[in-house]
Structure formats: structure tokens, C-alpha cells
Amino acid sequence: HGEPITFGLVLAVWFDELKHALSLLKNAKECISYG
């Protein structure tokens, strides 16, 4: 146990991290779209 937070903050951290993953996926799509 550390300090009080809210469960909403926990979920927001997950959201923000997956936003970063989404940007990597979009970059990967750009990177692979070559023939």
C-alpha cells in the first residue's frame, strides 16, 4: 500500500499506454504499405 488513488486513474493509465501502442500500429501500417 502506498497512497490513495482512484480506480479511474488506473484505467486512464491503461488507456494512455494503449494510445501509444495505437500510434505504433499506425506507424507500422505506414511502414509496411510499400510494394
PDB file of all heavy atoms in Angstrom:
ATOM      1  N   HIS A   1       0.822  -1.200   0.000  1.00  0.00           N
ATOM      2  CA  HIS A   1       0.000   0.000   0.000  1.00  0.00           C
ATOM      3  C   HIS A   1       0.861   1.258   0.000  1.00  0.00           C
ATOM      4  O   HIS A   1       1.823   1.377   0.769  1.00  0.00           O
ATOM      5  CB  HIS A   1      -0.915   0.008   1.218  1.00  0.00           C
ATOM      6  CG  HIS A   1      -2.041  -0.961   1.107  1.00  0.00           C
ATOM      7  ND1 HIS A   1      -3.205  -0.847   1.841  1.00  0.00           N
ATOM      8  CD2 HIS A   1      -2.197  -2.065   0.329  1.00  0.00           C
ATOM      9  CE1 HIS A   1      -4.031  -1.850   1.518  1.00  0.00           C
ATOM     10  NE2 HIS A   1      -3.423  -2.598   0.614  1.00  0.00           N
ATOM     11  N   GLY A   2       0.507   2.191  -0.881  1.00  0.00           N
ATOM     12  CA  GLY A   2       1.222   3.457  -0.978  1.00  0.00           C
ATOM     13  C   GLY A   2       0.355   4.613  -0.529  1.00  0.00           C
ATOM     14  O   GLY A   2       0.313   4.958   0.647  1.00  0.00           O
ATOM     15  N   GLU A   3      -0.376   5.220  -1.483  1.00  0.00           N
ATOM     16  CA  GLU A   3      -1.252   6.340  -1.175  1.00  0.00           C
ATOM     17  C   GLU A   3      -2.586   6.174  -1.895  1.00  0.00           C
ATOM     18  O   GLU A   3      -2.694   5.374  -2.833  1.00  0.00           O
ATOM     19  CB  GLU A   3      -0.601   7.658  -1.619  1.00  0.00           C
ATOM     20  CG  GLU A   3       0.604   8.060  -0.804  1.00  0.00           C
ATOM     21  CD  GLU A   3       1.087   9.471  -1.138  1.00  0.00           C
ATOM     22  OE1 GLU A   3       0.764   9.984  -2.243  1.00  0.00           O
ATOM     23  OE2 GLU A   3       1.772  10.043  -0.302  1.00  0.00           O
ATOM     24  N   PRO A   4      -3.600   6.945  -1.492  1.00  0.00           N
ATOM     25  CA  PRO A   4      -4.900   6.864  -2.157  1.00  0.00           C
ATOM     26  C   PRO A   4      -4.821   7.327  -3.615  1.00  0.00           C
ATOM     27  O   PRO A   4      -4.145   8.304  -3.941  1.00  0.00           O
ATOM     28  CB  PRO A   4      -5.783   7.808  -1.329  1.00  0.00           C
ATOM     29  CG  PRO A   4      -5.118   7.882   0.006  1.00  0.00           C
ATOM     30  CD  PRO A   4      -3.655   7.800  -0.292  1.00  0.00           C
ATOM     31  N   ILE A   5      -5.498   6.594  -4.470  1.00  0.00           N
ATOM     32  CA  ILE A   5      -5.704   6.990  -5.862  1.00  0.00           C
ATOM     33  C   ILE A   5      -7.163   6.707  -6.173  1.00  0.00           C
ATOM     34  O   ILE A   5      -7.954   6.425  -5.270  1.00  0.00           O
ATOM     35  CB  ILE A   5      -4.776   6.216  -6.826  1.00  0.00           C
ATOM     36  CG1 ILE A   5      -4.995   4.692  -6.708  1.00  0.00           C
ATOM     37  CG2 ILE A   5      -3.320   6.558  -6.568  1.00  0.00           C
ATOM     38  CD1 ILE A   5      -4.265   3.871  -7.761  1.00  0.00           C
ATOM     39  N   THR A   6      -7.537   6.732  -7.438  1.00  0.00           N
ATOM     40  CA  THR A   6      -8.874   6.284  -7.831  1.00  0.00           C
ATOM     41  C   THR A   6      -8.728   5.195  -8.891  1.00  0.00           C
ATOM     42  O   THR A   6      -7.721   5.143  -9.604  1.00  0.00           O
ATOM     43  CB  THR A   6      -9.747   7.420  -8.396  1.00  0.00           C
ATOM     44  OG1 THR A   6      -9.308   7.756  -9.719  1.00  0.00           O
ATOM     45  CG2 THR A   6      -9.703   8.649  -7.502  1.00  0.00           C
ATOM     46  N   PHE A   7      -9.737   4.354  -8.980  1.00  0.00           N
ATOM     47  CA  PHE A   7      -9.699   3.301  -9.997  1.00  0.00           C
ATOM     48  C   PHE A   7      -9.762   3.903 -11.391  1.00  0.00           C
ATOM     49  O   PHE A   7      -9.232   3.343 -12.357  1.00  0.00           O
ATOM     50  CB  PHE A   7     -10.835   2.303  -9.780  1.00  0.00           C
ATOM     51  CG  PHE A   7     -10.725   1.072 -10.636  1.00  0.00           C
ATOM     52  CD1 PHE A   7      -9.547   0.340 -10.681  1.00  0.00           C
ATOM     53  CD2 PHE A   7     -11.793   0.642 -11.407  1.00  0.00           C
ATOM     54  CE1 PHE A   7      -9.432  -0.793 -11.480  1.00  0.00           C
ATOM     55  CE2 PHE A   7     -11.693  -0.492 -12.203  1.00  0.00           C
ATOM     56  CZ  PHE A   7     -10.508  -1.214 -12.236  1.00  0.00           C
ATOM     57  N   GLY A   8     -10.390   5.059 -11.487  1.00  0.00           N
ATOM     58  CA  GLY A   8     -10.416   5.761 -12.765  1.00  0.00           C
ATOM     59  C   GLY A   8      -9.021   6.101 -13.258  1.00  0.00           C
ATOM     60  O   GLY A   8      -8.737   6.025 -14.458  1.00  0.00           O
ATOM     61  N   LEU A   9      -8.129   6.469 -12.341  1.00  0.00           N
ATOM     62  CA  LEU A   9      -6.752   6.772 -12.723  1.00  0.00           C
ATOM     63  C   LEU A   9      -6.041   5.520 -13.229  1.00  0.00           C
ATOM     64  O   LEU A   9      -5.238   5.595 -14.169  1.00  0.00           O
ATOM     65  CB  LEU A   9      -5.993   7.366 -11.536  1.00  0.00           C
ATOM     66  CG  LEU A   9      -6.379   8.794 -11.121  1.00  0.00           C
ATOM     67  CD1 LEU A   9      -5.623   9.194  -9.859  1.00  0.00           C
ATOM     68  CD2 LEU A   9      -6.097   9.786 -12.242  1.00  0.00           C
ATOM     69  N   VAL A  10      -6.314   4.383 -12.612  1.00  0.00           N
ATOM     70  CA  VAL A  10      -5.721   3.124 -13.070  1.00  0.00           C
ATOM     71  C   VAL A  10      -6.138   2.853 -14.514  1.00  0.00           C
ATOM     72  O   VAL A  10      -5.311   2.534 -15.378  1.00  0.00           O
ATOM     73  CB  VAL A  10      -6.147   1.959 -12.161  1.00  0.00           C
ATOM     74  CG1 VAL A  10      -5.692   0.614 -12.737  1.00  0.00           C
ATOM     75  CG2 VAL A  10      -5.576   2.145 -10.759  1.00  0.00           C
ATOM     76  N   LEU A  11      -7.419   2.985 -14.776  1.00  0.00           N
ATOM     77  CA  LEU A  11      -7.935   2.745 -16.121  1.00  0.00           C
ATOM     78  C   LEU A  11      -7.396   3.779 -17.115  1.00  0.00           C
ATOM     79  O   LEU A  11      -7.131   3.458 -18.279  1.00  0.00           O
ATOM     80  CB  LEU A  11      -9.461   2.778 -16.099  1.00  0.00           C
ATOM     81  CG  LEU A  11     -10.120   1.618 -15.342  1.00  0.00           C
ATOM     82  CD1 LEU A  11     -11.559   1.977 -14.954  1.00  0.00           C
ATOM     83  CD2 LEU A  11     -10.109   0.356 -16.180  1.00  0.00           C
ATOM     84  N   ALA A  12      -7.217   5.006 -16.655  1.00  0.00           N
ATOM     85  CA  ALA A  12      -6.686   6.056 -17.528  1.00  0.00           C
ATOM     86  C   ALA A  12      -5.240   5.773 -17.926  1.00  0.00           C
ATOM     87  O   ALA A  12      -4.828   6.072 -19.053  1.00  0.00           O
ATOM     88  CB  ALA A  12      -6.794   7.413 -16.837  1.00  0.00           C
ATOM     89  N   VAL A  13      -4.465   5.209 -16.997  1.00  0.00           N
ATOM     90  CA  VAL A  13      -3.092   4.822 -17.324  1.00  0.00           C
ATOM     91  C   VAL A  13      -3.090   3.760 -18.418  1.00  0.00           C
ATOM     92  O   VAL A  13      -2.321   3.821 -19.381  1.00  0.00           O
ATOM     93  CB  VAL A  13      -2.352   4.308 -16.072  1.00  0.00           C
ATOM     94  CG1 VAL A  13      -1.041   3.623 -16.456  1.00  0.00           C
ATOM     95  CG2 VAL A  13      -2.064   5.455 -15.116  1.00  0.00           C
ATOM     96  N   TRP A  14      -3.959   2.772 -18.274  1.00  0.00           N
ATOM     97  CA  TRP A  14      -4.060   1.724 -19.303  1.00  0.00           C
ATOM     98  C   TRP A  14      -4.458   2.329 -20.640  1.00  0.00           C
ATOM     99  O   TRP A  14      -3.925   1.963 -21.691  1.00  0.00           O
ATOM    100  CB  TRP A  14      -5.073   0.662 -18.881  1.00  0.00           C
ATOM    101  CG  TRP A  14      -4.727  -0.066 -17.616  1.00  0.00           C
ATOM    102  CD1 TRP A  14      -3.527  -0.048 -16.968  1.00  0.00           C
ATOM    103  CD2 TRP A  14      -5.583  -0.922 -16.854  1.00  0.00           C
ATOM    104  NE1 TRP A  14      -3.592  -0.840 -15.846  1.00  0.00           N
ATOM    105  CE2 TRP A  14      -4.830  -1.387 -15.750  1.00  0.00           C
ATOM    106  CE3 TRP A  14      -6.895  -1.334 -16.989  1.00  0.00           C
ATOM    107  CZ2 TRP A  14      -5.367  -2.250 -14.790  1.00  0.00           C
ATOM    108  CZ3 TRP A  14      -7.447  -2.192 -16.039  1.00  0.00           C
ATOM    109  CH2 TRP A  14      -6.681  -2.648 -14.949  1.00  0.00           C
ATOM    110  N   PHE A  15      -5.414   3.247 -20.604  1.00  0.00           N
ATOM    111  CA  PHE A  15      -5.879   3.918 -21.826  1.00  0.00           C
ATOM    112  C   PHE A  15      -4.722   4.641 -22.507  1.00  0.00           C
ATOM    113  O   PHE A  15      -4.513   4.500 -23.714  1.00  0.00           O
ATOM    114  CB  PHE A  15      -6.994   4.907 -21.469  1.00  0.00           C
ATOM    115  CG  PHE A  15      -7.498   5.733 -22.622  1.00  0.00           C
ATOM    116  CD1 PHE A  15      -8.574   5.308 -23.383  1.00  0.00           C
ATOM    117  CD2 PHE A  15      -6.885   6.945 -22.953  1.00  0.00           C
ATOM    118  CE1 PHE A  15      -9.039   6.070 -24.455  1.00  0.00           C
ATOM    119  CE2 PHE A  15      -7.344   7.711 -24.016  1.00  0.00           C
ATOM    120  CZ  PHE A  15      -8.423   7.265 -24.768  1.00  0.00           C
ATOM    121  N   ASP A  16      -3.967   5.413 -21.737  1.00  0.00           N
ATOM    122  CA  ASP A  16      -2.887   6.201 -22.315  1.00  0.00           C
ATOM    123  C   ASP A  16      -1.803   5.314 -22.914  1.00  0.00           C
ATOM    124  O   ASP A  16      -1.250   5.622 -23.971  1.00  0.00           O
ATOM    125  CB  ASP A  16      -2.289   7.114 -21.241  1.00  0.00           C
ATOM    126  CG  ASP A  16      -1.316   8.128 -21.820  1.00  0.00           C
ATOM    127  OD1 ASP A  16      -1.749   8.957 -22.636  1.00  0.00           O
ATOM    128  OD2 ASP A  16      -0.121   8.074 -21.469  1.00  0.00           O
ATOM    129  N   GLU A  17      -1.506   4.202 -22.247  1.00  0.00           N
ATOM    130  CA  GLU A  17      -0.482   3.294 -22.758  1.00  0.00           C
ATOM    131  C   GLU A  17      -0.925   2.653 -24.077  1.00  0.00           C
ATOM    132  O   GLU A  17      -0.130   2.493 -25.004  1.00  0.00           O
ATOM    133  CB  GLU A  17      -0.171   2.219 -21.722  1.00  0.00           C
ATOM    134  CG  GLU A  17       1.014   1.348 -22.088  1.00  0.00           C
ATOM    135  CD  GLU A  17       1.551   0.541 -20.928  1.00  0.00           C
ATOM    136  OE1 GLU A  17       1.328   0.931 -19.765  1.00  0.00           O
ATOM    137  OE2 GLU A  17       2.198  -0.483 -21.191  1.00  0.00           O
ATOM    138  N   LEU A  18      -2.192   2.301 -24.161  1.00  0.00           N
ATOM    139  CA  LEU A  18      -2.690   1.707 -25.394  1.00  0.00           C
ATOM    140  C   LEU A  18      -2.804   2.738 -26.513  1.00  0.00           C
ATOM    141  O   LEU A  18      -2.729   2.386 -27.697  1.00  0.00           O
ATOM    142  CB  LEU A  18      -4.036   1.032 -25.156  1.00  0.00           C
ATOM    143  CG  LEU A  18      -3.952  -0.307 -24.412  1.00  0.00           C
ATOM    144  CD1 LEU A  18      -5.331  -0.891 -24.192  1.00  0.00           C
ATOM    145  CD2 LEU A  18      -3.092  -1.304 -25.185  1.00  0.00           C
ATOM    146  N   LYS A  19      -2.968   4.009 -26.159  1.00  0.00           N
ATOM    147  CA  LYS A  19      -2.913   5.063 -27.178  1.00  0.00           C
ATOM    148  C   LYS A  19      -1.524   5.092 -27.827  1.00  0.00           C
ATOM    149  O   LYS A  19      -1.389   5.296 -29.030  1.00  0.00           O
ATOM    150  CB  LYS A  19      -3.216   6.425 -26.562  1.00  0.00           C
ATOM    151  CG  LYS A  19      -4.696   6.798 -26.571  1.00  0.00           C
ATOM    152  CD  LYS A  19      -4.947   8.127 -25.880  1.00  0.00           C
ATOM    153  CE  LYS A  19      -4.205   9.261 -26.532  1.00  0.00           C
ATOM    154  NZ  LYS A  19      -4.467  10.565 -25.846  1.00  0.00           N
ATOM    155  N   HIS A  20      -0.514   4.879 -27.008  1.00  0.00           N
ATOM    156  CA  HIS A  20       0.848   4.822 -27.543  1.00  0.00           C
ATOM    157  C   HIS A  20       1.005   3.607 -28.457  1.00  0.00           C
ATOM    158  O   HIS A  20       1.597   3.699 -29.542  1.00  0.00           O
ATOM    159  CB  HIS A  20       1.868   4.758 -26.405  1.00  0.00           C
ATOM    160  CG  HIS A  20       3.280   4.620 -26.871  1.00  0.00           C
ATOM    161  ND1 HIS A  20       4.111   3.610 -26.441  1.00  0.00           N
ATOM    162  CD2 HIS A  20       3.993   5.343 -27.754  1.00  0.00           C
ATOM    163  CE1 HIS A  20       5.280   3.730 -27.043  1.00  0.00           C
ATOM    164  NE2 HIS A  20       5.254   4.774 -27.837  1.00  0.00           N
ATOM    165  N   ALA A  21       0.468   2.472 -28.012  1.00  0.00           N
ATOM    166  CA  ALA A  21       0.521   1.268 -28.855  1.00  0.00           C
ATOM    167  C   ALA A  21      -0.202   1.509 -30.175  1.00  0.00           C
ATOM    168  O   ALA A  21       0.251   1.047 -31.240  1.00  0.00           O
ATOM    169  CB  ALA A  21      -0.094   0.085 -28.112  1.00  0.00           C
ATOM    170  N   LEU A  22      -1.315   2.226 -30.119  1.00  0.00           N
ATOM    171  CA  LEU A  22      -2.072   2.532 -31.333  1.00  0.00           C
ATOM    172  C   LEU A  22      -1.239   3.372 -32.302  1.00  0.00           C
ATOM    173  O   LEU A  22      -1.256   3.137 -33.514  1.00  0.00           O
ATOM    174  CB  LEU A  22      -3.361   3.276 -30.967  1.00  0.00           C
ATOM    175  CG  LEU A  22      -4.295   3.638 -32.120  1.00  0.00           C
ATOM    176  CD1 LEU A  22      -4.791   2.385 -32.826  1.00  0.00           C
ATOM    177  CD2 LEU A  22      -5.474   4.470 -31.611  1.00  0.00           C
ATOM    178  N   SER A  23      -0.490   4.331 -31.767  1.00  0.00           N
ATOM    179  CA  SER A  23       0.353   5.160 -32.639  1.00  0.00           C
ATOM    180  C   SER A  23       1.453   4.318 -33.287  1.00  0.00           C
ATOM    181  O   SER A  23       1.816   4.547 -34.450  1.00  0.00           O
ATOM    182  CB  SER A  23       0.962   6.321 -31.849  1.00  0.00           C
ATOM    183  OG  SER A  23       1.928   5.874 -30.919  1.00  0.00           O
ATOM    184  N   LEU A  24       1.980   3.334 -32.550  1.00  0.00           N
ATOM    185  CA  LEU A  24       2.991   2.435 -33.123  1.00  0.00           C
ATOM    186  C   LEU A  24       2.392   1.588 -34.237  1.00  0.00           C
ATOM    187  O   LEU A  24       3.041   1.340 -35.263  1.00  0.00           O
ATOM    188  CB  LEU A  24       3.565   1.530 -32.034  1.00  0.00           C
ATOM    189  CG  LEU A  24       4.414   2.195 -30.943  1.00  0.00           C
ATOM    190  CD1 LEU A  24       4.867   1.161 -29.922  1.00  0.00           C
ATOM    191  CD2 LEU A  24       5.628   2.897 -31.551  1.00  0.00           C
ATOM    192  N   LEU A  25       1.155   1.139 -34.051  1.00  0.00           N
ATOM    193  CA  LEU A  25       0.492   0.335 -35.070  1.00  0.00           C
ATOM    194  C   LEU A  25       0.225   1.162 -36.332  1.00  0.00           C
ATOM    195  O   LEU A  25       0.388   0.670 -37.459  1.00  0.00           O
ATOM    196  CB  LEU A  25      -0.820  -0.225 -34.517  1.00  0.00           C
ATOM    197  CG  LEU A  25      -0.672  -1.288 -33.429  1.00  0.00           C
ATOM    198  CD1 LEU A  25      -2.018  -1.520 -32.737  1.00  0.00           C
ATOM    199  CD2 LEU A  25      -0.152  -2.602 -34.010  1.00  0.00           C
ATOM    200  N   LYS A  26      -0.179   2.399 -36.138  1.00  0.00           N
ATOM    201  CA  LYS A  26      -0.418   3.269 -37.300  1.00  0.00           C
ATOM    202  C   LYS A  26       0.893   3.542 -38.038  1.00  0.00           C
ATOM    203  O   LYS A  26       0.923   3.581 -39.277  1.00  0.00           O
ATOM    204  CB  LYS A  26      -1.074   4.575 -36.844  1.00  0.00           C
ATOM    205  CG  LYS A  26      -2.520   4.393 -36.389  1.00  0.00           C
ATOM    206  CD  LYS A  26      -3.128   5.708 -35.937  1.00  0.00           C
ATOM    207  CE  LYS A  26      -4.595   5.520 -35.537  1.00  0.00           C
ATOM    208  NZ  LYS A  26      -5.212   6.782 -35.064  1.00  0.00           N
ATOM    209  N   ASN A  27       1.958   3.719 -37.291  1.00  0.00           N
ATOM    210  CA  ASN A  27       3.265   3.900 -37.911  1.00  0.00           C
ATOM    211  C   ASN A  27       3.689   2.637 -38.665  1.00  0.00           C
ATOM    212  O   ASN A  27       4.254   2.707 -39.767  1.00  0.00           O
ATOM    213  CB  ASN A  27       4.311   4.245 -36.846  1.00  0.00           C
ATOM    214  CG  ASN A  27       5.712   4.352 -37.430  1.00  0.00           C
ATOM    215  OD1 ASN A  27       6.017   5.263 -38.174  1.00  0.00           O
ATOM    216  ND2 ASN A  27       6.578   3.398 -37.077  1.00  0.00           N
ATOM    217  N   ALA A  28       3.399   1.471 -38.050  1.00  0.00           N
ATOM    218  CA  ALA A  28       3.723   0.197 -38.701  1.00  0.00           C
ATOM    219  C   ALA A  28       2.945   0.034 -39.995  1.00  0.00           C
ATOM    220  O   ALA A  28       3.476  -0.471 -40.997  1.00  0.00           O
ATOM    221  CB  ALA A  28       3.431  -0.961 -37.750  1.00  0.00           C
ATOM    222  N   LYS A  29       1.702   0.469 -39.999  1.00  0.00           N
ATOM    223  CA  LYS A  29       0.886   0.401 -41.213  1.00  0.00           C
ATOM    224  C   LYS A  29       1.500   1.266 -42.313  1.00  0.00           C
ATOM    225  O   LYS A  29       1.574   0.860 -43.478  1.00  0.00           O
ATOM    226  CB  LYS A  29      -0.541   0.856 -40.915  1.00  0.00           C
ATOM    227  CG  LYS A  29      -1.453   0.857 -42.125  1.00  0.00           C
ATOM    228  CD  LYS A  29      -2.811   1.452 -41.781  1.00  0.00           C
ATOM    229  CE  LYS A  29      -3.611   1.733 -43.042  1.00  0.00           C
ATOM    230  NZ  LYS A  29      -4.883   2.418 -42.757  1.00  0.00           N
ATOM    231  N   GLU A  30       1.956   2.447 -41.939  1.00  0.00           N
ATOM    232  CA  GLU A  30       2.625   3.325 -42.903  1.00  0.00           C
ATOM    233  C   GLU A  30       3.918   2.677 -43.403  1.00  0.00           C
ATOM    234  O   GLU A  30       4.234   2.715 -44.593  1.00  0.00           O
ATOM    235  CB  GLU A  30       2.935   4.672 -42.226  1.00  0.00           C
ATOM    236  CG  GLU A  30       3.878   5.578 -42.995  1.00  0.00           C
ATOM    237  CD  GLU A  30       3.287   6.108 -44.280  1.00  0.00           C
ATOM    238  OE1 GLU A  30       2.047   6.112 -44.420  1.00  0.00           O
ATOM    239  OE2 GLU A  30       4.078   6.524 -45.157  1.00  0.00           O
ATOM    240  N   CYS A  31       4.654   2.056 -42.491  1.00  0.00           N
ATOM    241  CA  CYS A  31       5.948   1.458 -42.817  1.00  0.00           C
ATOM    242  C   CYS A  31       5.824   0.277 -43.775  1.00  0.00           C
ATOM    243  O   CYS A  31       6.683   0.069 -44.637  1.00  0.00           O
ATOM    244  CB  CYS A  31       6.635   1.008 -41.518  1.00  0.00           C
ATOM    245  SG  CYS A  31       8.282   0.320 -41.740  1.00  0.00           S
ATOM    246  N   ILE A  32       4.737  -0.489 -43.635  1.00  0.00           N
ATOM    247  CA  ILE A  32       4.595  -1.720 -44.434  1.00  0.00           C
ATOM    248  C   ILE A  32       3.893  -1.468 -45.762  1.00  0.00           C
ATOM    249  O   ILE A  32       3.885  -2.353 -46.633  1.00  0.00           O
ATOM    250  CB  ILE A  32       3.835  -2.805 -43.638  1.00  0.00           C
ATOM    251  CG1 ILE A  32       4.120  -4.199 -44.209  1.00  0.00           C
ATOM    252  CG2 ILE A  32       2.333  -2.524 -43.627  1.00  0.00           C
ATOM    253  CD1 ILE A  32       5.551  -4.630 -44.139  1.00  0.00           C
ATOM    254  N   SER A  33       3.330  -0.308 -45.956  1.00  0.00           N
ATOM    255  CA  SER A  33       2.496  -0.056 -47.138  1.00  0.00           C
ATOM    256  C   SER A  33       3.327   0.293 -48.378  1.00  0.00           C
ATOM    257  O   SER A  33       3.093   1.294 -49.059  1.00  0.00           O
ATOM    258  CB  SER A  33       1.484   1.056 -46.844  1.00  0.00           C
ATOM    259  OG  SER A  33       0.608   0.672 -45.812  1.00  0.00           O
ATOM    260  N   TYR A  34       4.304  -0.548 -48.640  1.00  0.00           N
ATOM    261  CA  TYR A  34       5.192  -0.351 -49.785  1.00  0.00           C
ATOM    262  C   TYR A  34       5.253  -1.625 -50.621  1.00  0.00           C
ATOM    263  O   TYR A  34       5.307  -2.726 -50.084  1.00  0.00           O
ATOM    264  CB  TYR A  34       6.614   0.000 -49.325  1.00  0.00           C
ATOM    265  CG  TYR A  34       6.751   1.425 -48.849  1.00  0.00           C
ATOM    266  CD1 TYR A  34       6.374   1.786 -47.564  1.00  0.00           C
ATOM    267  CD2 TYR A  34       7.245   2.412 -49.708  1.00  0.00           C
ATOM    268  CE1 TYR A  34       6.489   3.096 -47.120  1.00  0.00           C
ATOM    269  CE2 TYR A  34       7.369   3.728 -49.282  1.00  0.00           C
ATOM    270  CZ  TYR A  34       6.991   4.066 -47.983  1.00  0.00           C
ATOM    271  OH  TYR A  34       7.105   5.362 -47.565  1.00  0.00           O
ATOM    272  N   GLY A  35       5.252  -1.435 -51.938  1.00  0.00           N
ATOM    273  CA  GLY A  35       5.421  -2.551 -52.843  1.00  0.00           C
ATOM    274  C   GLY A  35       6.735  -2.449 -53.593  1.00  0.00           C
ATOM    275  O   GLY A  35       7.418  -1.420 -53.529  1.00  0.00           O
TER     276      GLY A  35
END
